[in-house]
Amino acid sequence: MYKKKDLDVLINPLYVVSVFEKWSPLEIAIFEESILKFGKQFEFIAELVGSKSPKDVYEFYLEWKGTSHFKSYKAAVMSALSLIH
């Protein structure tokens, strides 16, 4: 259902687009799989995503660190490290 408040926010000239709004679900999925497999190789990940620069990938990473997806990523990395030791 349409909410006037939502539209007002979106068309407000002061509205700042989130970095997450600039990435498609496919780009995010490629980023997350790549960061898990290759770590912080932002230039390489940018090549894999194909439509983002290394700077875009790094900026996305900084925002992504504050999400629950990062917590899952960190747990997976720690689990893998514990298997090695």
PDB file of N, CA and C in Angstrom:
ATOM      1  N   MET A   1       0.845  -1.182   0.000  1.00  0.00           N
ATOM      2  CA  MET A   1       0.000   0.000   0.000  1.00  0.00           C
ATOM      3  C   MET A   1       0.889   1.244   0.000  1.00  0.00           C
ATOM      4  N   TYR A   2       0.483   2.242  -0.733  1.00  0.00           N
ATOM      5  CA  TYR A   2       1.207   3.500  -0.832  1.00  0.00           C
ATOM      6  C   TYR A   2       1.184   4.245   0.493  1.00  0.00           C
ATOM      7  N   LYS A   3       2.331   4.709   0.884  1.00  0.00           N
ATOM      8  CA  LYS A   3       2.430   5.540   2.075  1.00  0.00           C
ATOM      9  C   LYS A   3       3.070   6.856   1.654  1.00  0.00           C
ATOM     10  N   LYS A   4       2.375   7.944   1.888  1.00  0.00           N
ATOM     11  CA  LYS A   4       2.890   9.252   1.487  1.00  0.00           C
ATOM     12  C   LYS A   4       4.257   9.520   2.102  1.00  0.00           C
ATOM     13  N   LYS A   5       4.442   9.092   3.315  1.00  0.00           N
ATOM     14  CA  LYS A   5       5.715   9.338   3.988  1.00  0.00           C
ATOM     15  C   LYS A   5       6.871   8.683   3.227  1.00  0.00           C
ATOM     16  N   ASP A   6       6.684   7.450   2.726  1.00  0.00           N
ATOM     17  CA  ASP A   6       7.730   6.762   1.974  1.00  0.00           C
ATOM     18  C   ASP A   6       8.107   7.541   0.720  1.00  0.00           C
ATOM     19  N   LEU A   7       7.115   7.986  -0.018  1.00  0.00           N
ATOM     20  CA  LEU A   7       7.365   8.744  -1.229  1.00  0.00           C
ATOM     21  C   LEU A   7       8.068  10.054  -0.911  1.00  0.00           C
ATOM     22  N   ASP A   8       7.634  10.727   0.134  1.00  0.00           N
ATOM     23  CA  ASP A   8       8.264  11.984   0.535  1.00  0.00           C
ATOM     24  C   ASP A   8       9.753  11.799   0.808  1.00  0.00           C
ATOM     25  N   VAL A   9      10.087  10.697   1.436  1.00  0.00           N
ATOM     26  CA  VAL A   9      11.496  10.419   1.727  1.00  0.00           C
ATOM     27  C   VAL A   9      12.266  10.205   0.434  1.00  0.00           C
ATOM     28  N   LEU A  10      11.710   9.411  -0.471  1.00  0.00           N
ATOM     29  CA  LEU A  10      12.408   9.074  -1.710  1.00  0.00           C
ATOM     30  C   LEU A  10      12.614  10.261  -2.644  1.00  0.00           C
ATOM     31  N   ILE A  11      11.687  11.185  -2.667  1.00  0.00           N
ATOM     32  CA  ILE A  11      11.810  12.321  -3.596  1.00  0.00           C
ATOM     33  C   ILE A  11      12.427  13.550  -2.933  1.00  0.00           C
ATOM     34  N   ASN A  12      12.732  13.446  -1.665  1.00  0.00           N
ATOM     35  CA  ASN A  12      13.356  14.552  -0.943  1.00  0.00           C
ATOM     36  C   ASN A  12      14.748  14.799  -1.521  1.00  0.00           C
ATOM     37  N   PRO A  13      15.075  16.036  -1.888  1.00  0.00           N
ATOM     38  CA  PRO A  13      16.406  16.321  -2.452  1.00  0.00           C
ATOM     39  C   PRO A  13      17.544  16.059  -1.468  1.00  0.00           C
ATOM     40  N   LEU A  14      17.237  15.940  -0.193  1.00  0.00           N
ATOM     41  CA  LEU A  14      18.267  15.662   0.804  1.00  0.00           C
ATOM     42  C   LEU A  14      18.471  14.162   1.031  1.00  0.00           C
ATOM     43  N   TYR A  15      17.658  13.337   0.353  1.00  0.00           N
ATOM     44  CA  TYR A  15      17.755  11.884   0.501  1.00  0.00           C
ATOM     45  C   TYR A  15      19.110  11.399  -0.005  1.00  0.00           C
ATOM     46  N   VAL A  16      19.791  10.609   0.794  1.00  0.00           N
ATOM     47  CA  VAL A  16      21.089  10.052   0.425  1.00  0.00           C
ATOM     48  C   VAL A  16      20.890   8.577   0.095  1.00  0.00           C
ATOM     49  N   VAL A  17      21.309   8.190  -1.089  1.00  0.00           N
ATOM     50  CA  VAL A  17      21.168   6.810  -1.536  1.00  0.00           C
ATOM     51  C   VAL A  17      22.185   5.949  -0.798  1.00  0.00           C
ATOM     52  N   SER A  18      21.705   4.868  -0.225  1.00  0.00           N
ATOM     53  CA  SER A  18      22.571   3.928   0.487  1.00  0.00           C
ATOM     54  C   SER A  18      23.431   3.157  -0.504  1.00  0.00           C
ATOM     55  N   VAL A  19      24.615   2.757  -0.069  1.00  0.00           N
ATOM     56  CA  VAL A  19      25.491   1.957  -0.921  1.00  0.00           C
ATOM     57  C   VAL A  19      24.805   0.645  -1.302  1.00  0.00           C
ATOM     58  N   PHE A  20      23.956   0.122  -0.432  1.00  0.00           N
ATOM     59  CA  PHE A  20      23.259  -1.128  -0.718  1.00  0.00           C
ATOM     60  C   PHE A  20      22.235  -0.964  -1.841  1.00  0.00           C
ATOM     61  N   GLU A  21      21.724   0.240  -2.021  1.00  0.00           N
ATOM     62  CA  GLU A  21      20.763   0.499  -3.094  1.00  0.00           C
ATOM     63  C   GLU A  21      21.439   0.588  -4.457  1.00  0.00           C
ATOM     64  N   LYS A  22      22.744   0.767  -4.457  1.00  0.00           N
ATOM     65  CA  LYS A  22      23.496   0.889  -5.703  1.00  0.00           C
ATOM     66  C   LYS A  22      23.963  -0.466  -6.236  1.00  0.00           C
ATOM     67  N   TRP A  23      23.759  -1.525  -5.472  1.00  0.00           N
ATOM     68  CA  TRP A  23      24.202  -2.866  -5.850  1.00  0.00           C
ATOM     69  C   TRP A  23      22.989  -3.766  -6.073  1.00  0.00           C
ATOM     70  N   SER A  24      23.038  -4.565  -7.122  1.00  0.00           N
ATOM     71  CA  SER A  24      21.955  -5.518  -7.384  1.00  0.00           C
ATOM     72  C   SER A  24      22.139  -6.736  -6.471  1.00  0.00           C
ATOM     73  N   PRO A  25      21.084  -7.524  -6.293  1.00  0.00           N
ATOM     74  CA  PRO A  25      21.226  -8.751  -5.494  1.00  0.00           C
ATOM     75  C   PRO A  25      22.306  -9.687  -6.038  1.00  0.00           C
ATOM     76  N   LEU A  26      22.437  -9.765  -7.358  1.00  0.00           N
ATOM     77  CA  LEU A  26      23.483 -10.611  -7.953  1.00  0.00           C
ATOM     78  C   LEU A  26      24.873 -10.081  -7.615  1.00  0.00           C
ATOM     79  N   GLU A  27      25.063  -8.777  -7.714  1.00  0.00           N
ATOM     80  CA  GLU A  27      26.367  -8.190  -7.381  1.00  0.00           C
ATOM     81  C   GLU A  27      26.715  -8.440  -5.912  1.00  0.00           C
ATOM     82  N   ILE A  28      25.730  -8.323  -5.036  1.00  0.00           N
ATOM     83  CA  ILE A  28      25.964  -8.567  -3.610  1.00  0.00           C
ATOM     84  C   ILE A  28      26.328 -10.028  -3.377  1.00  0.00           C
ATOM     85  N   ALA A  29      25.639 -10.939  -4.044  1.00  0.00           N
ATOM     86  CA  ALA A  29      25.935 -12.368  -3.894  1.00  0.00           C
ATOM     87  C   ALA A  29      27.354 -12.687  -4.369  1.00  0.00           C
ATOM     88  N   ILE A  30      27.754 -12.118  -5.498  1.00  0.00           N
ATOM     89  CA  ILE A  30      29.120 -12.328  -6.002  1.00  0.00           C
ATOM     90  C   ILE A  30      30.128 -11.766  -5.011  1.00  0.00           C
ATOM     91  N   PHE A  31      29.860 -10.570  -4.496  1.00  0.00           N
ATOM     92  CA  PHE A  31      30.748  -9.965  -3.502  1.00  0.00           C
ATOM     93  C   PHE A  31      30.903 -10.874  -2.285  1.00  0.00           C
ATOM     94  N   GLU A  32      29.777 -11.338  -1.721  1.00  0.00           N
ATOM     95  CA  GLU A  32      29.831 -12.132  -0.489  1.00  0.00           C
ATOM     96  C   GLU A  32      30.554 -13.456  -0.694  1.00  0.00           C
ATOM     97  N   GLU A  33      30.289 -14.118  -1.804  1.00  0.00           N
ATOM     98  CA  GLU A  33      30.994 -15.377  -2.074  1.00  0.00           C
ATOM     99  C   GLU A  33      32.489 -15.123  -2.302  1.00  0.00           C
ATOM    100  N   SER A  34      32.795 -14.038  -2.990  1.00  0.00           N
ATOM    101  CA  SER A  34      34.194 -13.711  -3.293  1.00  0.00           C
ATOM    102  C   SER A  34      34.966 -13.307  -2.045  1.00  0.00           C
ATOM    103  N   ILE A  35      34.355 -12.530  -1.178  1.00  0.00           N
ATOM    104  CA  ILE A  35      35.049 -12.097   0.037  1.00  0.00           C
ATOM    105  C   ILE A  35      35.334 -13.294   0.934  1.00  0.00           C
ATOM    106  N   LEU A  36      34.422 -14.262   0.930  1.00  0.00           N
ATOM    107  CA  LEU A  36      34.622 -15.470   1.725  1.00  0.00           C
ATOM    108  C   LEU A  36      35.756 -16.313   1.149  1.00  0.00           C
ATOM    109  N   LYS A  37      35.812 -16.401  -0.165  1.00  0.00           N
ATOM    110  CA  LYS A  37      36.809 -17.258  -0.811  1.00  0.00           C
ATOM    111  C   LYS A  37      38.171 -16.593  -0.959  1.00  0.00           C
ATOM    112  N   PHE A  38      38.187 -15.281  -1.246  1.00  0.00           N
ATOM    113  CA  PHE A  38      39.441 -14.603  -1.580  1.00  0.00           C
ATOM    114  C   PHE A  38      39.868 -13.536  -0.574  1.00  0.00           C
ATOM    115  N   GLY A  39      39.056 -13.276   0.433  1.00  0.00           N
ATOM    116  CA  GLY A  39      39.420 -12.254   1.413  1.00  0.00           C
ATOM    117  C   GLY A  39      39.293 -10.852   0.834  1.00  0.00           C
ATOM    118  N   LYS A  40      40.076  -9.941   1.358  1.00  0.00           N
ATOM    119  CA  LYS A  40      39.959  -8.514   1.018  1.00  0.00           C
ATOM    120  C   LYS A  40      40.732  -8.147  -0.244  1.00  0.00           C
ATOM    121  N   GLN A  41      40.626  -8.953  -1.264  1.00  0.00           N
ATOM    122  CA  GLN A  41      41.265  -8.656  -2.549  1.00  0.00           C
ATOM    123  C   GLN A  41      40.278  -7.841  -3.398  1.00  0.00           C
ATOM    124  N   PHE A  42      40.144  -6.574  -3.042  1.00  0.00           N
ATOM    125  CA  PHE A  42      39.105  -5.735  -3.612  1.00  0.00           C
ATOM    126  C   PHE A  42      39.230  -5.565  -5.124  1.00  0.00           C
ATOM    127  N   GLU A  43      40.442  -5.487  -5.646  1.00  0.00           N
ATOM    128  CA  GLU A  43      40.614  -5.345  -7.095  1.00  0.00           C
ATOM    129  C   GLU A  43      40.130  -6.599  -7.809  1.00  0.00           C
ATOM    130  N   PHE A  44      40.484  -7.765  -7.283  1.00  0.00           N
ATOM    131  CA  PHE A  44      40.061  -9.021  -7.885  1.00  0.00           C
ATOM    132  C   PHE A  44      38.546  -9.183  -7.792  1.00  0.00           C
ATOM    133  N   ILE A  45      37.982  -8.841  -6.642  1.00  0.00           N
ATOM    134  CA  ILE A  45      36.533  -8.944  -6.458  1.00  0.00           C
ATOM    135  C   ILE A  45      35.814  -8.002  -7.429  1.00  0.00           C
ATOM    136  N   ALA A  46      36.365  -6.822  -7.649  1.00  0.00           N
ATOM    137  CA  ALA A  46      35.770  -5.886  -8.612  1.00  0.00           C
ATOM    138  C   ALA A  46      35.737  -6.505 -10.005  1.00  0.00           C
ATOM    139  N   GLU A  47      36.791  -7.224 -10.368  1.00  0.00           N
ATOM    140  CA  GLU A  47      36.817  -7.905 -11.664  1.00  0.00           C
ATOM    141  C   GLU A  47      35.731  -8.970 -11.734  1.00  0.00           C
ATOM    142  N   LEU A  48      35.541  -9.704 -10.650  1.00  0.00           N
ATOM    143  CA  LEU A  48      34.523 -10.752 -10.628  1.00  0.00           C
ATOM    144  C   LEU A  48      33.114 -10.172 -10.710  1.00  0.00           C
ATOM    145  N   VAL A  49      32.884  -9.083  -9.982  1.00  0.00           N
ATOM    146  CA  VAL A  49      31.567  -8.434 -10.023  1.00  0.00           C
ATOM    147  C   VAL A  49      31.342  -7.861 -11.423  1.00  0.00           C
ATOM    148  N   GLY A  50      32.376  -7.264 -11.977  1.00  0.00           N
ATOM    149  CA  GLY A  50      32.332  -6.794 -13.354  1.00  0.00           C
ATOM    150  C   GLY A  50      31.803  -5.396 -13.574  1.00  0.00           C
ATOM    151  N   SER A  51      30.942  -4.930 -12.703  1.00  0.00           N
ATOM    152  CA  SER A  51      30.311  -3.620 -12.913  1.00  0.00           C
ATOM    153  C   SER A  51      30.703  -2.601 -11.847  1.00  0.00           C
ATOM    154  N   LYS A  52      31.626  -2.967 -10.971  1.00  0.00           N
ATOM    155  CA  LYS A  52      32.038  -2.085  -9.876  1.00  0.00           C
ATOM    156  C   LYS A  52      33.553  -1.914  -9.891  1.00  0.00           C
ATOM    157  N   SER A  53      34.006  -0.752  -9.461  1.00  0.00           N
ATOM    158  CA  SER A  53      35.440  -0.487  -9.345  1.00  0.00           C
ATOM    159  C   SER A  53      35.957  -1.022  -8.010  1.00  0.00           C
ATOM    160  N   PRO A  54      37.270  -1.161  -7.868  1.00  0.00           N
ATOM    161  CA  PRO A  54      37.814  -1.554  -6.566  1.00  0.00           C
ATOM    162  C   PRO A  54      37.380  -0.593  -5.449  1.00  0.00           C
ATOM    163  N   LYS A  55      37.279   0.692  -5.773  1.00  0.00           N
ATOM    164  CA  LYS A  55      36.816   1.676  -4.778  1.00  0.00           C
ATOM    165  C   LYS A  55      35.373   1.386  -4.372  1.00  0.00           C
ATOM    166  N   ASP A  56      34.520   1.059  -5.346  1.00  0.00           N
ATOM    167  CA  ASP A  56      33.125   0.708  -5.049  1.00  0.00           C
ATOM    168  C   ASP A  56      33.067  -0.514  -4.136  1.00  0.00           C
ATOM    169  N   VAL A  57      33.896  -1.508  -4.444  1.00  0.00           N
ATOM    170  CA  VAL A  57      33.917  -2.743  -3.650  1.00  0.00           C
ATOM    171  C   VAL A  57      34.368  -2.448  -2.226  1.00  0.00           C
ATOM    172  N   TYR A  58      35.415  -1.626  -2.092  1.00  0.00           N
ATOM    173  CA  TYR A  58      35.920  -1.273  -0.759  1.00  0.00           C
ATOM    174  C   TYR A  58      34.862  -0.514   0.041  1.00  0.00           C
ATOM    175  N   GLU A  59      34.200   0.454  -0.590  1.00  0.00           N
ATOM    176  CA  GLU A  59      33.149   1.214   0.100  1.00  0.00           C
ATOM    177  C   GLU A  59      31.989   0.303   0.507  1.00  0.00           C
ATOM    178  N   PHE A  60      31.639  -0.640  -0.370  1.00  0.00           N
ATOM    179  CA  PHE A  60      30.586  -1.592  -0.038  1.00  0.00           C
ATOM    180  C   PHE A  60      31.012  -2.444   1.147  1.00  0.00           C
ATOM    181  N   TYR A  61      32.271  -2.888   1.133  1.00  0.00           N
ATOM    182  CA  TYR A  61      32.805  -3.699   2.231  1.00  0.00           C
ATOM    183  C   TYR A  61      32.690  -2.962   3.567  1.00  0.00           C
ATOM    184  N   LEU A  62      33.030  -1.692   3.582  1.00  0.00           N
ATOM    185  CA  LEU A  62      32.969  -0.916   4.828  1.00  0.00           C
ATOM    186  C   LEU A  62      31.546  -0.857   5.376  1.00  0.00           C
ATOM    187  N   GLU A  63      30.557  -0.707   4.501  1.00  0.00           N
ATOM    188  CA  GLU A  63      29.162  -0.693   4.939  1.00  0.00           C
ATOM    189  C   GLU A  63      28.691  -2.098   5.315  1.00  0.00           C
ATOM    190  N   TRP A  64      29.101  -3.079   4.526  1.00  0.00           N
ATOM    191  CA  TRP A  64      28.696  -4.471   4.716  1.00  0.00           C
ATOM    192  C   TRP A  64      29.150  -5.014   6.067  1.00  0.00           C
ATOM    193  N   LYS A  65      30.281  -4.486   6.565  1.00  0.00           N
ATOM    194  CA  LYS A  65      30.806  -4.936   7.863  1.00  0.00           C
ATOM    195  C   LYS A  65      29.816  -4.723   9.003  1.00  0.00           C
ATOM    196  N   GLY A  66      28.868  -3.833   8.840  1.00  0.00           N
ATOM    197  CA  GLY A  66      27.888  -3.556   9.883  1.00  0.00           C
ATOM    198  C   GLY A  66      26.626  -4.398   9.785  1.00  0.00           C
ATOM    199  N   THR A  67      26.626  -5.392   8.900  1.00  0.00           N
ATOM    200  CA  THR A  67      25.424  -6.202   8.691  1.00  0.00           C
ATOM    201  C   THR A  67      25.536  -7.580   9.334  1.00  0.00           C
ATOM    202  N   SER A  68      24.415  -8.258   9.402  1.00  0.00           N
ATOM    203  CA  SER A  68      24.406  -9.630   9.924  1.00  0.00           C
ATOM    204  C   SER A  68      25.139 -10.571   8.969  1.00  0.00           C
ATOM    205  N   HIS A  69      25.204 -10.221   7.697  1.00  0.00           N
ATOM    206  CA  HIS A  69      25.936 -11.053   6.736  1.00  0.00           C
ATOM    207  C   HIS A  69      27.424 -11.082   7.095  1.00  0.00           C
ATOM    208  N   PHE A  70      27.952  -9.957   7.545  1.00  0.00           N
ATOM    209  CA  PHE A  70      29.362  -9.915   7.951  1.00  0.00           C
ATOM    210  C   PHE A  70      29.589 -10.818   9.157  1.00  0.00           C
ATOM    211  N   LYS A  71      28.653 -10.809  10.090  1.00  0.00           N
ATOM    212  CA  LYS A  71      28.799 -11.665  11.272  1.00  0.00           C
ATOM    213  C   LYS A  71      28.839 -13.135  10.863  1.00  0.00           C
ATOM    214  N   SER A  72      28.027 -13.518   9.890  1.00  0.00           N
ATOM    215  CA  SER A  72      28.046 -14.892   9.382  1.00  0.00           C
ATOM    216  C   SER A  72      29.377 -15.188   8.701  1.00  0.00           C
ATOM    217  N   TYR A  73      29.862 -14.225   7.916  1.00  0.00           N
ATOM    218  CA  TYR A  73      31.148 -14.357   7.245  1.00  0.00           C
ATOM    219  C   TYR A  73      32.269 -14.549   8.264  1.00  0.00           C
ATOM    220  N   LYS A  74      32.270 -13.715   9.291  1.00  0.00           N
ATOM    221  CA  LYS A  74      33.317 -13.782  10.306  1.00  0.00           C
ATOM    222  C   LYS A  74      33.277 -15.132  11.035  1.00  0.00           C
ATOM    223  N   ALA A  75      32.080 -15.623  11.333  1.00  0.00           N
ATOM    224  CA  ALA A  75      31.945 -16.932  11.987  1.00  0.00           C
ATOM    225  C   ALA A  75      32.476 -18.039  11.087  1.00  0.00           C
ATOM    226  N   ALA A  76      32.209 -17.954   9.789  1.00  0.00           N
ATOM    227  CA  ALA A  76      32.705 -18.968   8.850  1.00  0.00           C
ATOM    228  C   ALA A  76      34.223 -18.945   8.772  1.00  0.00           C
ATOM    229  N   VAL A  77      34.802 -17.768   8.757  1.00  0.00           N
ATOM    230  CA  VAL A  77      36.264 -17.647   8.707  1.00  0.00           C
ATOM    231  C   VAL A  77      36.884 -18.201   9.986  1.00  0.00           C
ATOM    232  N   MET A  78      36.314 -17.847  11.120  1.00  0.00           N
ATOM    233  CA  MET A  78      36.846 -18.349  12.397  1.00  0.00           C
ATOM    234  C   MET A  78      36.723 -19.862  12.483  1.00  0.00           C
ATOM    235  N   SER A  79      35.645 -20.400  11.979  1.00  0.00           N
ATOM    236  CA  SER A  79      35.438 -21.858  11.980  1.00  0.00           C
ATOM    237  C   SER A  79      36.485 -22.529  11.097  1.00  0.00           C
ATOM    238  N   ALA A  80      36.737 -21.960   9.940  1.00  0.00           N
ATOM    239  CA  ALA A  80      37.746 -22.526   9.037  1.00  0.00           C
ATOM    240  C   ALA A  80      39.127 -22.456   9.665  1.00  0.00           C
ATOM    241  N   LEU A  81      39.424 -21.367  10.342  1.00  0.00           N
ATOM    242  CA  LEU A  81      40.732 -21.229  10.989  1.00  0.00           C
ATOM    243  C   LEU A  81      40.898 -22.237  12.120  1.00  0.00           C
ATOM    244  N   SER A  82      39.833 -22.524  12.842  1.00  0.00           N
ATOM    245  CA  SER A  82      39.921 -23.490  13.942  1.00  0.00           C
ATOM    246  C   SER A  82      40.149 -24.895  13.413  1.00  0.00           C
ATOM    247  N   LEU A  83      39.697 -25.186  12.217  1.00  0.00           N
ATOM    248  CA  LEU A  83      39.932 -26.502  11.601  1.00  0.00           C
ATOM    249  C   LEU A  83      41.385 -26.678  11.190  1.00  0.00           C
ATOM    250  N   ILE A  84      42.028 -25.556  10.846  1.00  0.00           N
ATOM    251  CA  ILE A  84      43.430 -25.591  10.425  1.00  0.00           C
ATOM    252  C   ILE A  84      44.343 -25.835  11.615  1.00  0.00           C
ATOM    253  N   HIS A  85      43.999 -25.268  12.757  1.00  0.00           N
ATOM    254  CA  HIS A  85      44.869 -25.368  13.938  1.00  0.00           C
ATOM    255  C   HIS A  85      44.540 -26.534  14.775  1.00  0.00           C
TER     256      HIS A  85
END
